[in-house]
PDB file of N, CA and C in Angstrom:
ATOM      1  N   MET A   1     -95.143 -50.990 196.467  1.00  0.00           N
ATOM      2  CA  MET A   1     -93.703 -50.880 195.971  1.00  0.00           C
ATOM      3  C   MET A   1     -93.316 -51.562 197.640  1.00  0.00           C
ATOM      4  N   SER A   2     -93.522 -53.027 197.506  1.00  0.00           N
ATOM      5  CA  SER A   2     -92.703 -54.126 198.105  1.00  0.00           C
ATOM      6  C   SER A   2     -91.678 -53.232 198.723  1.00  0.00           C
ATOM      7  N   SER A   3     -91.235 -54.284 200.181  1.00  0.00           N
ATOM      8  CA  SER A   3     -89.918 -54.042 200.531  1.00  0.00           C
ATOM      9  C   SER A   3     -88.444 -54.771 199.773  1.00  0.00           C
ATOM     10  N   ASP A   4     -88.894 -55.597 199.333  1.00  0.00           N
ATOM     11  CA  ASP A   4     -87.967 -56.061 198.295  1.00  0.00           C
ATOM     12  C   ASP A   4     -87.640 -55.242 196.688  1.00  0.00           C
ATOM     13  N   GLU A   5     -88.301 -55.042 196.358  1.00  0.00           N
ATOM     14  CA  GLU A   5     -88.283 -54.262 195.102  1.00  0.00           C
ATOM     15  C   GLU A   5     -87.494 -52.498 196.334  1.00  0.00           C
ATOM     16  N   LEU A   6     -87.660 -52.243 197.210  1.00  0.00           N
ATOM     17  CA  LEU A   6     -87.736 -51.269 197.741  1.00  0.00           C
ATOM     18  C   LEU A   6     -85.713 -51.105 198.379  1.00  0.00           C
ATOM     19  N   GLU A   7     -85.715 -52.094 198.667  1.00  0.00           N
ATOM     20  CA  GLU A   7     -84.294 -52.130 199.266  1.00  0.00           C
ATOM     21  C   GLU A   7     -83.547 -52.668 198.075  1.00  0.00           C
ATOM     22  N   HIS A   8     -83.605 -53.370 196.663  1.00  0.00           N
ATOM     23  CA  HIS A   8     -83.604 -53.541 195.585  1.00  0.00           C
ATOM     24  C   HIS A   8     -82.800 -52.160 194.959  1.00  0.00           C
ATOM     25  N   ARG A   9     -84.195 -51.039 194.941  1.00  0.00           N
ATOM     26  CA  ARG A   9     -83.394 -49.861 194.450  1.00  0.00           C
ATOM     27  C   ARG A   9     -82.568 -48.852 195.469  1.00  0.00           C
ATOM     28  N   LEU A  10     -82.880 -49.410 196.061  1.00  0.00           N
ATOM     29  CA  LEU A  10     -81.935 -48.392 197.574  1.00  0.00           C
ATOM     30  C   LEU A  10     -80.004 -48.943 197.550  1.00  0.00           C
ATOM     31  N   GLY A  11     -80.245 -50.600 197.081  1.00  0.00           N
ATOM     32  CA  GLY A  11     -78.845 -51.430 196.683  1.00  0.00           C
ATOM     33  C   GLY A  11     -78.456 -50.313 195.434  1.00  0.00           C
ATOM     34  N   GLN A  12     -79.305 -49.832 194.448  1.00  0.00           N
ATOM     35  CA  GLN A  12     -78.661 -49.428 193.176  1.00  0.00           C
ATOM     36  C   GLN A  12     -77.976 -47.652 193.269  1.00  0.00           C
ATOM     37  N   ILE A  13     -78.312 -47.109 194.727  1.00  0.00           N
ATOM     38  CA  ILE A  13     -77.731 -45.837 194.861  1.00  0.00           C
ATOM     39  C   ILE A  13     -76.353 -46.061 195.069  1.00  0.00           C
ATOM     40  N   LYS A  14     -75.370 -44.976 194.598  1.00  0.00           N
ATOM     41  CA  LYS A  14     -74.208 -45.434 194.288  1.00  0.00           C
ATOM     42  C   LYS A  14     -73.410 -45.000 195.682  1.00  0.00           C
ATOM     43  N   ASP A  15     -74.034 -43.781 196.422  1.00  0.00           N
ATOM     44  CA  ASP A  15     -73.671 -43.296 197.335  1.00  0.00           C
ATOM     45  C   ASP A  15     -74.057 -43.677 198.338  1.00  0.00           C
ATOM     46  N   LYS A  16     -73.565 -44.322 199.713  1.00  0.00           N
ATOM     47  CA  LYS A  16     -74.294 -45.370 199.948  1.00  0.00           C
ATOM     48  C   LYS A  16     -74.432 -44.188 201.899  1.00  0.00           C
ATOM     49  N   LYS A  17     -74.178 -43.072 202.229  1.00  0.00           N
ATOM     50  CA  LYS A  17     -74.559 -42.394 202.764  1.00  0.00           C
ATOM     51  C   LYS A  17     -75.536 -42.063 202.697  1.00  0.00           C
ATOM     52  N   VAL A  18     -76.173 -41.296 201.422  1.00  0.00           N
ATOM     53  CA  VAL A  18     -77.040 -40.907 200.861  1.00  0.00           C
ATOM     54  C   VAL A  18     -78.048 -42.021 200.733  1.00  0.00           C
ATOM     55  N   ALA A  19     -77.655 -43.513 201.115  1.00  0.00           N
ATOM     56  CA  ALA A  19     -78.680 -44.518 200.693  1.00  0.00           C
ATOM     57  C   ALA A  19     -80.031 -44.472 202.076  1.00  0.00           C
ATOM     58  N   THR A  20     -78.485 -44.319 203.312  1.00  0.00           N
ATOM     59  CA  THR A  20     -78.610 -44.961 204.377  1.00  0.00           C
ATOM     60  C   THR A  20     -79.288 -43.907 205.053  1.00  0.00           C
ATOM     61  N   GLU A  21     -80.026 -42.790 204.616  1.00  0.00           N
ATOM     62  CA  GLU A  21     -80.666 -41.556 204.978  1.00  0.00           C
ATOM     63  C   GLU A  21     -82.058 -42.185 204.020  1.00  0.00           C
ATOM     64  N   VAL A  22     -81.947 -41.836 203.021  1.00  0.00           N
ATOM     65  CA  VAL A  22     -82.882 -42.040 202.322  1.00  0.00           C
ATOM     66  C   VAL A  22     -83.994 -43.404 202.860  1.00  0.00           C
ATOM     67  N   ARG A  23     -83.169 -43.854 202.923  1.00  0.00           N
ATOM     68  CA  ARG A  23     -83.785 -45.461 204.055  1.00  0.00           C
ATOM     69  C   ARG A  23     -84.508 -45.564 205.048  1.00  0.00           C
ATOM     70  N   ARG A  24     -83.844 -44.452 205.835  1.00  0.00           N
ATOM     71  CA  ARG A  24     -84.549 -44.119 207.327  1.00  0.00           C
ATOM     72  C   ARG A  24     -85.450 -43.231 206.679  1.00  0.00           C
ATOM     73  N   PHE A  25     -85.590 -42.822 206.188  1.00  0.00           N
ATOM     74  CA  PHE A  25     -86.242 -41.442 205.817  1.00  0.00           C
ATOM     75  C   PHE A  25     -88.305 -42.457 205.085  1.00  0.00           C
ATOM     76  N   LEU A  26     -87.108 -43.006 204.322  1.00  0.00           N
ATOM     77  CA  LEU A  26     -88.025 -43.743 204.102  1.00  0.00           C
ATOM     78  C   LEU A  26     -89.231 -44.925 204.873  1.00  0.00           C
ATOM     79  N   LEU A  27     -88.263 -45.500 205.885  1.00  0.00           N
ATOM     80  CA  LEU A  27     -88.939 -46.129 206.717  1.00  0.00           C
ATOM     81  C   LEU A  27     -90.191 -45.304 207.522  1.00  0.00           C
ATOM     82  N   ASN A  28     -89.715 -44.115 207.956  1.00  0.00           N
ATOM     83  CA  ASN A  28     -90.571 -43.550 208.711  1.00  0.00           C
ATOM     84  C   ASN A  28     -91.765 -42.896 208.081  1.00  0.00           C
ATOM     85  N   LEU A  29     -91.901 -42.674 206.679  1.00  0.00           N
ATOM     86  CA  LEU A  29     -93.041 -42.504 205.828  1.00  0.00           C
ATOM     87  C   LEU A  29     -94.134 -44.076 205.872  1.00  0.00           C
ATOM     88  N   PHE A  30     -93.405 -44.700 205.407  1.00  0.00           N
ATOM     89  CA  PHE A  30     -94.383 -45.774 205.440  1.00  0.00           C
ATOM     90  C   PHE A  30     -94.937 -46.361 206.906  1.00  0.00           C
ATOM     91  N   LEU A  31     -93.998 -45.801 208.221  1.00  0.00           N
ATOM     92  CA  LEU A  31     -94.835 -46.123 209.290  1.00  0.00           C
ATOM     93  C   LEU A  31     -95.312 -45.110 209.719  1.00  0.00           C
ATOM     94  N   LEU A  32     -95.795 -44.042 209.075  1.00  0.00           N
ATOM     95  CA  LEU A  32     -96.972 -43.194 209.415  1.00  0.00           C
ATOM     96  C   LEU A  32     -97.651 -43.284 208.472  1.00  0.00           C
ATOM     97  N   PHE A  33     -97.843 -44.307 207.135  1.00  0.00           N
ATOM     98  CA  PHE A  33     -98.760 -44.514 206.433  1.00  0.00           C
ATOM     99  C   PHE A  33     -99.126 -46.090 206.661  1.00  0.00           C
ATOM    100  N   ASP A  34     -98.812 -46.130 207.492  1.00  0.00           N
ATOM    101  CA  ASP A  34     -99.318 -48.261 207.735  1.00  0.00           C
ATOM    102  C   ASP A  34     -98.593 -49.109 207.152  1.00  0.00           C
ATOM    103  N   ASP A  35     -97.693 -48.261 206.505  1.00  0.00           N
ATOM    104  CA  ASP A  35     -97.020 -49.544 205.376  1.00  0.00           C
ATOM    105  C   ASP A  35     -97.885 -49.633 204.076  1.00  0.00           C
ATOM    106  N   ASN A  36     -98.230 -48.522 204.104  1.00  0.00           N
ATOM    107  CA  ASN A  36     -99.487 -48.086 202.557  1.00  0.00           C
ATOM    108  C   ASN A  36     -99.734 -46.859 202.310  1.00  0.00           C
ATOM    109  N   PRO A  37     -98.346 -45.891 201.649  1.00  0.00           N
ATOM    110  CA  PRO A  37     -98.452 -44.863 201.406  1.00  0.00           C
ATOM    111  C   PRO A  37     -99.690 -44.417 200.323  1.00  0.00           C
ATOM    112  N   PRO A  38     -99.828 -42.987 200.073  1.00  0.00           N
ATOM    113  CA  PRO A  38    -100.835 -42.981 199.323  1.00  0.00           C
ATOM    114  C   PRO A  38    -100.459 -43.030 197.932  1.00  0.00           C
ATOM    115  N   PRO A  39    -100.695 -43.116 196.657  1.00  0.00           N
ATOM    116  CA  PRO A  39    -100.786 -43.591 195.266  1.00  0.00           C
ATOM    117  C   PRO A  39     -99.744 -42.641 195.217  1.00  0.00           C
ATOM    118  N   HIS A  40     -99.726 -41.057 195.200  1.00  0.00           N
ATOM    119  CA  HIS A  40     -99.807 -40.192 194.837  1.00  0.00           C
ATOM    120  C   HIS A  40     -98.105 -39.862 195.358  1.00  0.00           C
ATOM    121  N   ILE A  41     -97.841 -40.226 196.649  1.00  0.00           N
ATOM    122  CA  ILE A  41     -96.779 -40.204 197.541  1.00  0.00           C
ATOM    123  C   ILE A  41     -95.618 -41.715 196.878  1.00  0.00           C
ATOM    124  N   GLN A  42     -96.775 -42.700 196.668  1.00  0.00           N
ATOM    125  CA  GLN A  42     -96.000 -43.661 196.144  1.00  0.00           C
ATOM    126  C   GLN A  42     -95.211 -43.407 194.686  1.00  0.00           C
ATOM    127  N   SER A  43     -95.716 -42.708 193.744  1.00  0.00           N
ATOM    128  CA  SER A  43     -94.971 -42.336 192.647  1.00  0.00           C
ATOM    129  C   SER A  43     -94.154 -41.132 193.185  1.00  0.00           C
ATOM    130  N   HIS A  44     -94.224 -40.094 193.826  1.00  0.00           N
ATOM    131  CA  HIS A  44     -92.721 -39.562 194.411  1.00  0.00           C
ATOM    132  C   HIS A  44     -91.641 -40.165 194.973  1.00  0.00           C
ATOM    133  N   ILE A  45     -92.049 -41.223 195.835  1.00  0.00           N
ATOM    134  CA  ILE A  45     -91.248 -42.287 196.272  1.00  0.00           C
ATOM    135  C   ILE A  45     -90.384 -42.965 194.675  1.00  0.00           C
ATOM    136  N   ALA A  46     -90.580 -43.395 194.245  1.00  0.00           N
ATOM    137  CA  ALA A  46     -89.820 -43.712 192.860  1.00  0.00           C
ATOM    138  C   ALA A  46     -89.118 -42.602 191.949  1.00  0.00           C
ATOM    139  N   GLU A  47     -89.782 -41.635 192.116  1.00  0.00           N
ATOM    140  CA  GLU A  47     -89.070 -40.919 191.178  1.00  0.00           C
ATOM    141  C   GLU A  47     -87.787 -40.152 191.577  1.00  0.00           C
ATOM    142  N   ILE A  48     -87.960 -40.144 193.079  1.00  0.00           N
ATOM    143  CA  ILE A  48     -87.134 -39.780 193.963  1.00  0.00           C
ATOM    144  C   ILE A  48     -85.768 -41.010 193.877  1.00  0.00           C
ATOM    145  N   LEU A  49     -86.306 -41.926 193.899  1.00  0.00           N
ATOM    146  CA  LEU A  49     -85.385 -43.519 194.126  1.00  0.00           C
ATOM    147  C   LEU A  49     -84.908 -42.987 192.053  1.00  0.00           C
ATOM    148  N   ASP A  50     -85.572 -42.978 191.445  1.00  0.00           N
ATOM    149  CA  ASP A  50     -84.994 -42.644 189.609  1.00  0.00           C
ATOM    150  C   ASP A  50     -83.625 -41.709 189.976  1.00  0.00           C
ATOM    151  N   LEU A  51     -83.952 -40.440 190.191  1.00  0.00           N
ATOM    152  CA  LEU A  51     -82.968 -39.823 190.099  1.00  0.00           C
ATOM    153  C   LEU A  51     -81.826 -40.054 191.261  1.00  0.00           C
ATOM    154  N   LEU A  52     -82.049 -40.611 192.524  1.00  0.00           N
ATOM    155  CA  LEU A  52     -81.278 -41.265 193.197  1.00  0.00           C
ATOM    156  C   LEU A  52     -79.984 -42.499 192.348  1.00  0.00           C
ATOM    157  N   GLU A  53     -80.455 -43.047 191.770  1.00  0.00           N
ATOM    158  CA  GLU A  53     -80.207 -44.184 191.221  1.00  0.00           C
ATOM    159  C   GLU A  53     -78.966 -43.675 190.363  1.00  0.00           C
ATOM    160  N   TYR A  54     -79.512 -42.623 189.091  1.00  0.00           N
ATOM    161  CA  TYR A  54     -79.152 -42.132 188.109  1.00  0.00           C
ATOM    162  C   TYR A  54     -77.734 -41.022 188.594  1.00  0.00           C
ATOM    163  N   LYS A  55     -77.612 -40.553 189.537  1.00  0.00           N
ATOM    164  CA  LYS A  55     -77.170 -39.128 189.519  1.00  0.00           C
ATOM    165  C   LYS A  55     -75.332 -39.778 190.033  1.00  0.00           C
ATOM    166  N   ARG A  56     -74.935 -39.258 188.846  1.00  0.00           N
ATOM    167  CA  ARG A  56     -73.219 -39.424 189.081  1.00  0.00           C
ATOM    168  C   ARG A  56     -72.710 -39.595 190.877  1.00  0.00           C
ATOM    169  N   CYS A  57     -71.650 -40.099 190.872  1.00  0.00           N
ATOM    170  CA  CYS A  57     -70.775 -39.797 192.056  1.00  0.00           C
ATOM    171  C   CYS A  57     -69.680 -39.619 191.598  1.00  0.00           C
ATOM    172  N   PRO A  58     -69.115 -38.502 192.483  1.00  0.00           N
ATOM    173  CA  PRO A  58     -67.914 -38.211 192.588  1.00  0.00           C
ATOM    174  C   PRO A  58     -66.673 -38.721 192.408  1.00  0.00           C
ATOM    175  N   VAL A  59     -65.055 -39.073 191.661  1.00  0.00           N
ATOM    176  CA  VAL A  59     -64.370 -40.235 191.813  1.00  0.00           C
ATOM    177  C   VAL A  59     -63.022 -39.573 191.905  1.00  0.00           C
ATOM    178  N   LYS A  60     -62.693 -39.902 192.802  1.00  0.00           N
ATOM    179  CA  LYS A  60     -61.034 -39.617 192.690  1.00  0.00           C
ATOM    180  C   LYS A  60     -60.496 -39.989 191.617  1.00  0.00           C
ATOM    181  N   VAL A  61     -59.289 -39.238 191.215  1.00  0.00           N
ATOM    182  CA  VAL A  61     -58.726 -38.695 189.648  1.00  0.00           C
ATOM    183  C   VAL A  61     -57.046 -39.191 190.339  1.00  0.00           C
ATOM    184  N   VAL A  62     -56.702 -40.241 190.047  1.00  0.00           N
ATOM    185  CA  VAL A  62     -55.429 -39.977 190.455  1.00  0.00           C
ATOM    186  C   VAL A  62     -54.651 -40.024 188.989  1.00  0.00           C
ATOM    187  N   ALA A  63     -53.644 -38.752 189.429  1.00  0.00           N
ATOM    188  CA  ALA A  63     -52.317 -38.696 188.281  1.00  0.00           C
ATOM    189  C   ALA A  63     -51.366 -38.985 188.504  1.00  0.00           C
TER     190      ALA A  63
END
């Protein structure tokens, strides 16, 4: 996954606090593997991003 694709996917996460924490985690993970995590870890990253992109955020209801 390229850094541009990763940033795009992180931008799709509605909860910005979660997106910030995921960004930090992934940066550390990529540093650990010299910017090239093994394929099985990349597939887990994609799966996590899929789940976070489609997670519903709570919204305020004004009556």
